[in-house]
Amino acid sequence: MSTETVRPLIARLTAGWHQAARPASLREHYARYGPRPEAGRDLPDAVAAAGLTGRGGAGFPTGVKMRAVAAGRGRAVVVANGMESEPASEKDQALLARAPHLVLDGAVLAARAVGADTVHVCLDRERGQQITALMKAVSERERARVDPLPIMVHELPRHYVSSEETSLVRWLNGGDARPVTTPPRPSERGVGRSPTLVDNVETLAHVALIARYGPAWFRSAGSSDAPGTFLVTAAGAVAGPGVYEIEGGTLAGDVLEMSGAVEDGYVLIGGYAGTWHPVSEVARLPMTAAGLRAAGATPGAGLVLPLGPGSCGLVETTRILGYLARESAQQCGPCRFGLPAIADDFAQLTTGRSGDGTLDRLHRRLGVIPGRGACRHPDGAVRLAASALTAFAGDVRAHAAGQPCAAFRQGRAAGLPMPRPRAEGQWR
């Protein structure tokens, strides 16, 4: 783990955001960052030298993925993933709402570098304002004739698992927006059976900056094992909810402090497929995959969700597990049967209605589901549930004994974002 000292806040992706509460025009974008450079086949090497990793949650080295697509057989395809289906996350929405041309620059540059002739941008069809704004940005670029290839904007159905990269590929190929098993990965055979680069929109925005300023500039922020900057979303029990741009290596405690979280208590790190921890356990750890590994956590797509004073972590976990069970693709046993069973066990435990065998049964289920699903969705739900049993062990014992905590009895809510229940929607 790096011991370097980093400055928490920085403005690269977020440059100029506070001066204008609207998307930057193409003219404003070029004034802020300079004209877009011509991309060559050496861009994947520059991205690899910069140490850029995916900002959508998986953290895979972007340069490695670009090289694999560029080396594939046939004409490549680039897909910009702006779905952001994690309910608590707002970073991609904020980026597209303020700097759409930075994302589009990155997508076009990546396409030129890997040998693609089309860019697909995938967005949540329920975010009409976002779609309209991005279409306006694309039209502005078309009038200015700045792009050597077409940019196509697609509106996909909203489901938690529909932002998974294989879901996007399946939908673009005419199927449902549900994950498919791998291999092959999209980088090997994706849209139209062509090698396909699927990158999160924040990742592509960083690609645009690396193409302009180079790997050394990118590494001038952050730490040696986490170069560059990251967008993080702070929500829940914070005084200043929103999106922050931080340097790699920034401590989780600094993120909590700058967002106005309570100094003690518990925090959910990484989103609804993440893990619960006492704040004291993670405060001194860098908000990176390597830094949080010591606590068994991962930053995911950059989410920090503190639990409010007096709120019940088991109640919040039960709400989230119910949501994750409803949002599954219903394609395999772990999703169709395992997740609803876990959610029901947790609900019984939380309400103090569990029998003598409920907790043992829950532990057994948590032990057999991981790795058996058609995608990683069940694994994330199990990770969340298991972390809650550990972090809130005292409450677990009390609830299991039929003595729910005061927060449950008083009905206190933690304020974690939760989509409203809806009828099962279409996948196409």
Protein backbone atom coordinates (compact mmCIF):
# COMPACT_ATOMS: atom_id res chain seq x y z
CA MET A 1 0.00 0.00 0.00
CA SER A 2 1.36 3.40 -0.99
CA THR A 3 2.26 5.84 1.78
CA GLU A 4 2.47 8.85 -0.53
CA THR A 5 0.62 11.99 0.48
CA VAL A 6 -1.88 13.22 -2.11
CA ARG A 7 -4.08 16.29 -2.36
CA PRO A 8 -7.68 15.10 -2.07
CA LEU A 9 -9.44 17.43 -4.54
CA ILE A 10 -8.35 18.35 -8.04
CA ALA A 11 -10.11 19.63 -11.17
CA ARG A 12 -9.34 17.80 -14.40
CA LEU A 13 -12.55 16.18 -15.52
CA THR A 14 -14.45 18.70 -13.40
CA ALA A 15 -12.67 21.80 -14.74
CA GLY A 16 -15.18 24.61 -15.18
CA TRP A 17 -18.11 22.69 -13.73
CA HIS A 18 -18.91 25.28 -11.09
CA GLN A 19 -18.79 28.18 -13.54
CA ALA A 20 -21.64 26.91 -15.71
CA ALA A 21 -24.50 24.69 -14.60
CA ARG A 22 -24.97 23.24 -18.09
CA PRO A 23 -23.13 21.13 -20.66
CA ALA A 24 -20.04 22.78 -22.14
CA SER A 25 -20.48 23.66 -25.80
CA LEU A 26 -17.93 22.44 -28.33
CA ARG A 27 -16.35 25.89 -28.40
CA GLU A 28 -16.14 26.02 -24.60
CA HIS A 29 -14.76 22.49 -24.53
CA TYR A 30 -11.92 23.35 -26.91
CA ALA A 31 -11.19 26.56 -25.00
CA ARG A 32 -10.88 24.52 -21.81
CA TYR A 33 -8.82 21.57 -23.08
CA GLY A 34 -7.49 22.57 -26.48
CA PRO A 35 -8.30 20.92 -29.82
CA ARG A 36 -8.56 17.19 -30.02
CA PRO A 37 -5.31 15.61 -31.22
CA GLU A 38 -5.12 13.09 -34.03
CA ALA A 39 -5.14 9.59 -32.58
CA GLY A 40 -2.63 7.05 -33.72
CA ARG A 41 -2.21 3.34 -33.11
CA ASP A 42 0.20 4.26 -30.29
CA LEU A 43 -2.62 5.57 -28.07
CA PRO A 44 -3.14 2.18 -26.34
CA ASP A 45 0.54 2.24 -25.35
CA ALA A 46 0.17 5.77 -23.96
CA VAL A 47 -2.92 4.75 -21.99
CA ALA A 48 -1.06 1.71 -20.62
CA ALA A 49 1.93 3.87 -19.65
CA ALA A 50 -0.42 6.26 -17.87
CA GLY A 51 -1.74 3.41 -15.72
CA LEU A 52 -5.39 4.20 -16.46
CA THR A 53 -7.83 1.58 -15.18
CA GLY A 54 -11.53 1.27 -15.88
CA ARG A 55 -13.73 3.62 -13.88
CA GLY A 56 -16.92 1.59 -14.22
CA GLY A 57 -16.19 -0.66 -11.26
CA ALA A 58 -14.02 -3.53 -12.48
CA GLY A 59 -10.77 -1.53 -12.57
CA PHE A 60 -9.24 -3.48 -15.46
CA PRO A 61 -6.20 -1.84 -17.14
CA THR A 62 -7.62 0.17 -20.04
CA GLY A 63 -4.50 0.02 -22.17
CA VAL A 64 -4.49 -3.79 -22.03
CA LYS A 65 -8.11 -3.89 -23.17
CA MET A 66 -7.42 -1.44 -26.02
CA ARG A 67 -4.45 -3.50 -27.20
CA ALA A 68 -6.54 -6.67 -27.22
CA VAL A 69 -9.26 -5.05 -29.34
CA ALA A 70 -6.73 -3.50 -31.72
CA ALA A 71 -5.10 -6.92 -32.21
CA GLY A 72 -8.40 -8.65 -32.95
CA ARG A 73 -9.55 -9.86 -36.32
CA GLY A 74 -11.83 -7.63 -38.35
CA ARG A 75 -13.13 -4.10 -37.97
CA ALA A 76 -13.43 -3.15 -34.29
CA VAL A 77 -16.33 -1.46 -32.49
CA VAL A 78 -16.29 1.04 -29.58
CA VAL A 79 -19.10 1.27 -27.02
CA ALA A 80 -19.29 4.09 -24.46
CA ASN A 81 -21.15 2.85 -21.39
CA GLY A 82 -23.17 5.65 -19.79
CA MET A 83 -25.90 3.47 -18.27
CA GLU A 84 -24.82 3.97 -14.62
CA SER A 85 -27.42 1.61 -13.18
CA GLU A 86 -26.02 1.74 -9.62
CA PRO A 87 -28.83 3.63 -7.80
CA ALA A 88 -26.52 5.65 -5.57
CA SER A 89 -24.02 6.67 -8.25
CA GLU A 90 -24.22 10.01 -10.04
CA LYS A 91 -20.69 10.47 -11.39
CA ASP A 92 -21.36 9.46 -15.00
CA GLN A 93 -24.55 11.49 -15.11
CA ALA A 94 -22.68 14.52 -13.78
CA LEU A 95 -19.85 14.05 -16.29
CA LEU A 96 -22.21 13.81 -19.27
CA ALA A 97 -24.20 16.76 -17.96
CA ARG A 98 -21.10 19.01 -17.79
CA ALA A 99 -18.45 17.66 -20.17
CA PRO A 100 -20.12 15.58 -22.90
CA HIS A 101 -17.53 16.51 -25.51
CA LEU A 102 -14.69 15.21 -23.35
CA VAL A 103 -16.38 11.80 -23.29
CA LEU A 104 -17.11 11.90 -27.02
CA ASP A 105 -13.52 12.95 -27.77
CA GLY A 106 -12.27 9.95 -25.82
CA ALA A 107 -14.64 7.58 -27.60
CA VAL A 108 -13.60 8.82 -31.05
CA LEU A 109 -9.90 8.76 -30.18
CA ALA A 110 -10.23 5.22 -28.84
CA ALA A 111 -12.09 4.16 -31.98
CA ARG A 112 -9.36 5.51 -34.23
CA ALA A 113 -6.69 3.83 -32.13
CA VAL A 114 -8.25 0.35 -32.21
CA GLY A 115 -9.42 0.48 -35.82
CA ALA A 116 -13.15 1.04 -35.29
CA ASP A 117 -15.40 2.93 -37.70
CA THR A 118 -18.38 3.52 -35.38
CA VAL A 119 -18.95 4.69 -31.81
CA HIS A 120 -22.02 3.54 -29.89
CA VAL A 121 -23.10 5.44 -26.76
CA CYS A 122 -25.47 3.53 -24.46
CA LEU A 123 -27.72 5.48 -22.09
CA ASP A 124 -30.63 4.75 -19.75
CA ARG A 125 -33.82 5.45 -21.72
CA GLU A 126 -35.55 6.82 -18.62
CA ARG A 127 -33.10 9.75 -18.44
CA GLY A 128 -34.71 11.78 -21.18
CA GLN A 129 -32.94 15.04 -20.34
CA GLN A 130 -29.56 13.35 -20.51
CA ILE A 131 -30.34 11.77 -23.87
CA THR A 132 -31.52 15.08 -25.30
CA ALA A 133 -28.38 16.88 -24.11
CA LEU A 134 -26.04 14.26 -25.54
CA MET A 135 -27.87 14.18 -28.86
CA LYS A 136 -27.44 17.96 -28.99
CA ALA A 137 -23.69 17.56 -28.41
CA VAL A 138 -23.46 14.94 -31.17
CA SER A 139 -25.36 17.22 -33.56
CA GLU A 140 -23.02 20.08 -32.70
CA ARG A 141 -20.04 17.91 -33.61
CA GLU A 142 -21.68 16.80 -36.85
CA ARG A 143 -22.23 20.40 -37.91
CA ALA A 144 -18.61 21.22 -37.10
CA ARG A 145 -17.42 18.07 -38.92
CA VAL A 146 -14.89 17.28 -36.23
CA ASP A 147 -15.35 13.49 -36.13
CA PRO A 148 -14.09 11.10 -38.81
CA LEU A 149 -16.72 8.48 -37.91
CA PRO A 150 -20.37 8.39 -36.81
CA ILE A 151 -21.51 8.49 -33.19
CA MET A 152 -24.74 6.60 -32.50
CA VAL A 153 -26.73 7.18 -29.30
CA HIS A 154 -28.83 4.27 -28.01
CA GLU A 155 -31.56 4.19 -25.35
CA LEU A 156 -31.55 0.98 -23.32
CA PRO A 157 -34.04 -0.26 -20.71
CA ARG A 158 -33.27 0.47 -17.09
CA HIS A 159 -32.22 -2.58 -15.11
CA TYR A 160 -29.44 -2.99 -12.58
CA VAL A 161 -27.70 -5.65 -14.69
CA SER A 162 -28.22 -3.87 -18.01
CA SER A 163 -25.08 -1.78 -17.55
CA GLU A 164 -22.89 -4.91 -17.59
CA GLU A 165 -20.74 -4.88 -20.74
CA THR A 166 -22.13 -8.13 -22.14
CA SER A 167 -25.66 -6.74 -21.68
CA LEU A 168 -24.80 -3.78 -23.89
CA VAL A 169 -23.30 -6.03 -26.56
CA ARG A 170 -26.29 -8.36 -26.48
CA TRP A 171 -28.68 -5.43 -26.86
CA LEU A 172 -26.70 -3.86 -29.71
CA ASN A 173 -26.80 -7.25 -31.42
CA GLY A 174 -30.61 -7.20 -31.31
CA GLY A 175 -31.17 -9.15 -28.09
CA ASP A 176 -32.22 -8.37 -24.54
CA ALA A 177 -30.18 -6.09 -22.30
CA ARG A 178 -29.23 -9.03 -20.06
CA PRO A 179 -25.74 -10.37 -19.34
CA VAL A 180 -24.38 -13.38 -21.18
CA THR A 181 -21.82 -15.86 -19.99
CA THR A 182 -18.18 -15.47 -20.97
CA PRO A 183 -15.84 -16.33 -22.65
CA PRO A 184 -15.63 -14.99 -25.23
CA ARG A 185 -15.26 -11.48 -23.86
CA PRO A 186 -16.55 -8.55 -25.94
CA SER A 187 -12.93 -7.63 -26.69
CA GLU A 188 -12.72 -10.95 -28.55
CA ARG A 189 -16.20 -11.16 -30.09
CA GLY A 190 -18.76 -8.48 -29.39
CA VAL A 191 -21.03 -6.29 -31.47
CA GLY A 192 -21.57 -7.94 -34.83
CA ARG A 193 -19.11 -10.64 -33.68
CA SER A 194 -16.34 -8.02 -34.01
CA PRO A 195 -13.72 -7.20 -31.35
CA THR A 196 -15.45 -4.60 -29.20
CA LEU A 197 -14.05 -2.05 -26.73
CA VAL A 198 -16.64 -1.34 -24.03
CA ASP A 199 -15.53 1.44 -21.70
CA ASN A 200 -17.23 3.50 -19.04
CA VAL A 201 -17.74 7.14 -20.02
CA GLU A 202 -15.41 8.40 -17.28
CA THR A 203 -12.70 6.06 -18.54
CA LEU A 204 -13.07 7.50 -22.05
CA ALA A 205 -12.88 11.06 -20.72
CA HIS A 206 -9.51 10.19 -19.19
CA VAL A 207 -8.42 8.70 -22.53
CA ALA A 208 -9.14 12.08 -24.14
CA LEU A 209 -6.93 13.83 -21.58
CA ILE A 210 -4.09 11.32 -21.92
CA ALA A 211 -4.16 11.78 -25.71
CA ARG A 212 -3.84 15.53 -25.21
CA TYR A 213 -1.33 15.78 -22.39
CA GLY A 214 0.45 12.42 -22.20
CA PRO A 215 1.06 9.69 -19.62
CA ALA A 216 3.48 11.76 -17.48
CA TRP A 217 0.89 14.50 -17.05
CA PHE A 218 -1.73 11.93 -16.07
CA ARG A 219 0.61 10.42 -13.47
CA SER A 220 1.42 13.85 -12.02
CA ALA A 221 -1.76 13.42 -9.96
CA GLY A 222 -2.47 10.52 -7.67
CA SER A 223 -0.08 7.95 -6.27
CA SER A 224 2.27 5.51 -7.96
CA ASP A 225 -0.12 2.58 -7.55
CA ALA A 226 -3.24 4.65 -8.33
CA PRO A 227 -2.28 7.35 -10.85
CA GLY A 228 -4.63 10.04 -12.07
CA THR A 229 -7.96 11.16 -10.69
CA PHE A 230 -11.29 9.50 -9.95
CA LEU A 231 -14.87 10.67 -9.69
CA VAL A 232 -16.59 9.53 -6.50
CA THR A 233 -20.20 9.87 -5.38
CA ALA A 234 -20.97 10.62 -1.74
CA ALA A 235 -24.56 10.00 -0.65
CA GLY A 236 -26.48 8.84 2.37
CA ALA A 237 -25.76 10.57 5.70
CA VAL A 238 -23.55 13.38 4.37
CA ALA A 239 -23.96 17.15 4.58
CA GLY A 240 -22.66 17.67 1.05
CA PRO A 241 -23.95 14.89 -1.19
CA GLY A 242 -22.65 14.92 -4.74
CA VAL A 243 -19.78 14.08 -7.06
CA TYR A 244 -16.17 14.82 -6.15
CA GLU A 245 -13.01 14.45 -8.21
CA ILE A 246 -10.19 13.08 -6.08
CA GLU A 247 -6.62 12.04 -6.70
CA GLY A 248 -5.77 8.36 -6.64
CA GLY A 249 -4.58 7.38 -3.18
CA THR A 250 -6.90 9.78 -1.34
CA LEU A 251 -7.92 8.27 1.99
CA ALA A 252 -11.49 7.08 2.42
CA GLY A 253 -11.64 9.18 5.58
CA ASP A 254 -10.79 12.32 3.58
CA VAL A 255 -13.67 11.61 1.20
CA LEU A 256 -16.00 11.22 4.17
CA GLU A 257 -14.72 14.43 5.72
CA MET A 258 -15.02 16.55 2.57
CA SER A 259 -18.59 15.35 2.03
CA GLY A 260 -19.56 16.17 5.61
CA ALA A 261 -20.13 12.65 6.93
CA VAL A 262 -20.26 11.81 10.61
CA GLU A 263 -16.89 10.95 12.12
CA ASP A 264 -18.01 7.61 13.55
CA GLY A 265 -20.43 4.89 12.59
CA TYR A 266 -20.63 2.71 9.49
CA VAL A 267 -20.18 3.21 5.78
CA LEU A 268 -21.11 1.22 2.67
CA ILE A 269 -18.16 1.26 0.26
CA GLY A 270 -18.54 0.46 -3.44
CA GLY A 271 -22.30 0.67 -3.87
CA TYR A 272 -25.09 -1.87 -3.50
CA ALA A 273 -22.78 -4.74 -4.46
CA GLY A 274 -20.19 -3.42 -2.01
CA THR A 275 -19.44 -3.97 1.65
CA TRP A 276 -20.30 -2.45 5.04
CA HIS A 277 -17.50 -1.35 7.37
CA PRO A 278 -17.01 0.62 10.58
CA VAL A 279 -15.67 4.03 9.55
CA SER A 280 -12.69 3.46 11.85
CA GLU A 281 -11.76 0.36 9.80
CA VAL A 282 -11.46 2.15 6.44
CA ALA A 283 -10.78 5.81 7.27
CA ARG A 284 -6.99 5.48 6.98
CA LEU A 285 -7.09 3.34 3.83
CA PRO A 286 -6.67 4.76 0.31
CA MET A 287 -9.87 4.81 -1.73
CA THR A 288 -8.40 2.35 -4.26
CA ALA A 289 -8.72 -1.37 -4.98
CA ALA A 290 -5.26 -2.09 -3.55
CA GLY A 291 -5.73 0.20 -0.56
CA LEU A 292 -9.15 -1.12 0.47
CA ARG A 293 -8.21 -4.76 -0.02
CA ALA A 294 -6.91 -4.95 3.56
CA ALA A 295 -10.48 -4.41 4.78
CA GLY A 296 -12.02 -6.72 2.19
CA ALA A 297 -13.50 -3.79 0.32
CA THR A 298 -13.34 -2.35 -3.19
CA PRO A 299 -14.24 1.17 -4.38
CA GLY A 300 -16.40 -0.22 -7.18
CA ALA A 301 -17.52 2.72 -9.29
CA GLY A 302 -16.45 5.13 -6.54
CA LEU A 303 -19.25 5.16 -3.98
CA VAL A 304 -19.16 6.22 -0.32
CA LEU A 305 -22.46 5.81 1.53
CA PRO A 306 -22.34 6.51 5.29
CA LEU A 307 -25.09 5.22 7.54
CA GLY A 308 -26.86 7.90 9.52
CA PRO A 309 -26.68 8.02 13.34
CA GLY A 310 -29.35 5.83 14.83
CA SER A 311 -30.10 4.06 11.54
CA CYS A 312 -30.21 0.28 11.34
CA GLY A 313 -27.73 -1.30 8.96
CA LEU A 314 -29.77 -4.49 8.79
CA VAL A 315 -32.84 -2.57 7.67
CA GLU A 316 -30.86 -0.86 4.91
CA THR A 317 -29.29 -4.13 3.81
CA THR A 318 -32.71 -5.77 3.67
CA ARG A 319 -33.99 -2.96 1.44
CA ILE A 320 -31.01 -3.27 -0.88
CA LEU A 321 -31.17 -7.07 -1.07
CA GLY A 322 -34.85 -6.88 -1.97
CA TYR A 323 -34.01 -4.46 -4.75
CA LEU A 324 -31.15 -6.62 -6.05
CA ALA A 325 -33.39 -9.70 -6.07
CA ARG A 326 -36.04 -7.86 -8.10
CA GLU A 327 -33.45 -6.52 -10.53
CA SER A 328 -31.87 -9.85 -11.50
CA ALA A 329 -31.96 -11.08 -15.09
CA GLN A 330 -33.79 -14.27 -14.03
CA GLN A 331 -31.51 -16.38 -16.23
CA CYS A 332 -30.01 -18.78 -13.69
CA GLY A 333 -30.80 -20.50 -10.41
CA PRO A 334 -28.75 -18.16 -8.17
CA CYS A 335 -30.73 -15.15 -9.45
CA ARG A 336 -34.17 -16.78 -9.73
CA PHE A 337 -34.11 -18.62 -6.41
CA GLY A 338 -30.99 -17.76 -4.43
CA LEU A 339 -31.33 -13.98 -4.24
CA PRO A 340 -35.03 -13.95 -3.25
CA ALA A 341 -34.28 -16.56 -0.59
CA ILE A 342 -31.43 -14.50 0.84
CA ALA A 343 -33.57 -11.35 0.79
CA ASP A 344 -36.37 -13.21 2.60
CA ASP A 345 -34.00 -14.63 5.22
CA PHE A 346 -32.62 -11.15 5.83
CA ALA A 347 -36.12 -9.69 6.13
CA GLN A 348 -37.03 -12.30 8.73
CA LEU A 349 -33.83 -11.63 10.63
CA THR A 350 -34.31 -7.85 10.53
CA THR A 351 -37.89 -7.93 11.76
CA GLY A 352 -37.05 -10.34 14.60
CA ARG A 353 -39.33 -13.03 13.11
CA SER A 354 -36.55 -15.48 12.30
CA GLY A 355 -36.65 -19.01 13.64
CA ASP A 356 -33.81 -20.86 15.24
CA GLY A 357 -32.44 -22.04 11.89
CA THR A 358 -32.74 -18.81 9.87
CA LEU A 359 -29.24 -17.51 10.52
CA ASP A 360 -27.61 -20.89 9.88
CA ARG A 361 -29.61 -21.28 6.67
CA LEU A 362 -28.57 -17.79 5.57
CA HIS A 363 -24.90 -18.54 6.14
CA ARG A 364 -25.19 -21.77 4.13
CA ARG A 365 -26.79 -19.93 1.22
CA LEU A 366 -24.15 -17.24 1.27
CA GLY A 367 -21.52 -19.96 1.02
CA VAL A 368 -22.86 -21.78 -2.04
CA ILE A 369 -24.09 -19.02 -4.36
CA PRO A 370 -20.87 -17.15 -5.30
CA GLY A 371 -19.39 -18.14 -8.65
CA ARG A 372 -22.47 -20.08 -9.78
CA GLY A 373 -24.38 -17.32 -11.56
CA ALA A 374 -24.48 -16.50 -15.26
CA CYS A 375 -23.02 -13.09 -14.33
CA ARG A 376 -21.53 -11.42 -11.26
CA HIS A 377 -24.83 -10.05 -9.96
CA PRO A 378 -25.42 -12.81 -7.37
CA ASP A 379 -21.83 -12.49 -6.14
CA GLY A 380 -22.35 -8.80 -5.39
CA ALA A 381 -25.53 -9.43 -3.42
CA VAL A 382 -23.83 -12.16 -1.39
CA ARG A 383 -20.86 -9.87 -0.71
CA LEU A 384 -23.19 -7.16 0.62
CA ALA A 385 -25.15 -9.57 2.82
CA ALA A 386 -22.06 -11.25 4.28
CA SER A 387 -20.46 -7.90 5.11
CA ALA A 388 -23.61 -6.77 6.93
CA LEU A 389 -23.60 -9.89 9.12
CA THR A 390 -20.01 -9.07 10.11
CA ALA A 391 -20.22 -5.28 10.46
CA PHE A 392 -23.49 -5.34 12.42
CA ALA A 393 -22.80 -8.54 14.37
CA GLY A 394 -24.23 -7.15 17.60
CA ASP A 395 -27.49 -6.15 15.93
CA VAL A 396 -27.64 -9.53 14.19
CA ARG A 397 -27.58 -11.32 17.54
CA ALA A 398 -30.21 -9.03 19.00
CA HIS A 399 -32.55 -9.24 16.00
CA ALA A 400 -32.13 -13.03 15.81
CA ALA A 401 -33.13 -13.22 19.48
CA GLY A 402 -36.36 -11.36 18.72
CA GLN A 403 -35.10 -8.06 20.14
CA PRO A 404 -34.72 -5.67 17.18
CA CYS A 405 -32.65 -2.55 17.72
CA ALA A 406 -34.16 0.84 18.62
CA ALA A 407 -33.57 2.18 15.10
CA PHE A 408 -35.74 -0.58 13.63
CA ARG A 409 -38.48 -0.09 16.22
CA GLN A 410 -38.55 3.65 15.58
CA GLY A 411 -38.51 3.25 11.79
CA ARG A 412 -35.50 5.46 11.16
CA ALA A 413 -34.36 5.61 7.54
CA ALA A 414 -30.74 6.04 6.51
CA GLY A 415 -31.52 7.99 3.36
CA LEU A 416 -29.74 5.67 0.95
CA PRO A 417 -31.14 6.13 -2.58
CA MET A 418 -33.59 3.40 -3.54
CA PRO A 419 -35.53 3.26 -6.83
CA ARG A 420 -39.28 2.90 -6.47
CA PRO A 421 -40.65 -0.59 -7.07
CA ARG A 422 -42.03 -0.94 -10.58
CA ALA A 423 -43.68 -3.56 -12.68
CA GLU A 424 -41.28 -5.85 -14.46
CA GLY A 425 -40.13 -3.89 -17.47
CA GLN A 426 -39.03 -4.87 -20.90
CA TRP A 427 -35.47 -5.99 -21.58
CA ARG A 428 -35.49 -4.86 -25.17
